[in-house]
Amino acid sequence: MSSIKKLVELDYPNHLVTSPVLSKVIKKYDIEVSIRRASITKGFGYVQMEVLGEESEVTKALAELSG
């Protein structure tokens, strides 16, 4: 199995700002996340992060986050 690292940017819609979206995905897919930048307000969230893990798990996690 090979590990990969990807730089990812996420925009959160208003209804997900207070939900533990990243926490759930980290646990579900056994990935590591290193937050580089973030901005959270009442109506919007933005996160830039590096995601590290097994290639298949990172792919699944990113698909879940984008969907």
Protein backbone atom coordinates (compact mmCIF):
# COMPACT_ATOMS: atom_id res chain seq x y z
CA MET A 1 0.00 0.00 0.00
CA SER A 2 1.24 3.48 -0.77
CA SER A 3 0.72 6.64 1.20
CA ILE A 4 -0.04 9.93 -0.48
CA LYS A 5 -0.27 13.54 0.62
CA LYS A 6 -2.66 16.01 -1.01
CA LEU A 7 -3.24 19.70 -0.50
CA VAL A 8 -6.99 20.29 -0.37
CA GLU A 9 -9.24 23.33 -0.04
CA LEU A 10 -12.78 22.98 1.29
CA ASP A 11 -15.63 25.44 1.39
CA TYR A 12 -18.35 24.69 3.90
CA PRO A 13 -21.93 25.79 3.32
CA ASN A 14 -23.83 27.47 6.13
CA HIS A 15 -25.63 24.31 7.30
CA LEU A 16 -22.34 22.38 7.84
CA VAL A 17 -20.27 25.03 9.65
CA THR A 18 -21.10 23.67 13.11
CA SER A 19 -20.97 19.97 12.14
CA PRO A 20 -17.91 17.78 12.88
CA VAL A 21 -17.41 16.97 9.19
CA LEU A 22 -13.61 16.61 9.27
CA SER A 23 -13.58 14.68 12.52
CA LYS A 24 -15.96 12.06 11.15
CA VAL A 25 -14.02 11.61 7.89
CA ILE A 26 -10.68 11.36 9.73
CA LYS A 27 -12.01 8.54 11.92
CA LYS A 28 -13.90 6.75 9.15
CA TYR A 29 -10.97 6.60 6.71
CA ASP A 30 -8.00 6.61 9.10
CA ILE A 31 -6.37 9.64 7.50
CA GLU A 32 -4.28 12.45 8.93
CA VAL A 33 -5.13 16.10 8.39
CA SER A 34 -2.85 19.08 8.88
CA ILE A 35 -4.75 22.37 8.68
CA ARG A 36 -2.75 25.10 6.96
CA ARG A 37 -5.37 27.86 6.87
CA ALA A 38 -8.95 28.21 7.99
CA SER A 39 -11.65 30.83 8.21
CA ILE A 40 -14.96 30.10 9.87
CA THR A 41 -17.88 32.50 10.26
CA LYS A 42 -21.54 31.98 11.09
CA GLY A 43 -22.44 31.52 7.46
CA PHE A 44 -19.37 30.10 5.78
CA GLY A 45 -16.29 27.99 6.38
CA TYR A 46 -13.04 27.58 4.45
CA VAL A 47 -10.23 25.16 5.24
CA GLN A 48 -6.92 24.56 3.43
CA MET A 49 -5.28 21.34 4.61
CA GLU A 50 -2.89 18.55 3.77
CA VAL A 51 -4.43 15.10 3.80
CA LEU A 52 -2.14 12.12 4.35
CA GLY A 53 -2.97 8.42 4.25
CA GLU A 54 -3.29 5.33 2.13
CA GLU A 55 -4.15 6.35 -1.41
CA SER A 56 -7.46 4.46 -1.51
CA GLU A 57 -8.59 5.91 1.83
CA VAL A 58 -7.62 9.48 0.91
CA THR A 59 -9.52 9.10 -2.37
CA LYS A 60 -12.64 7.86 -0.57
CA ALA A 61 -12.40 10.59 2.09
CA LEU A 62 -12.06 13.36 -0.50
CA ALA A 63 -14.98 11.95 -2.48
CA GLU A 64 -17.13 12.04 0.65
CA LEU A 65 -16.08 15.59 1.48
CA SER A 66 -16.83 16.82 -2.02
CA GLY A 67 -20.16 15.09 -2.32
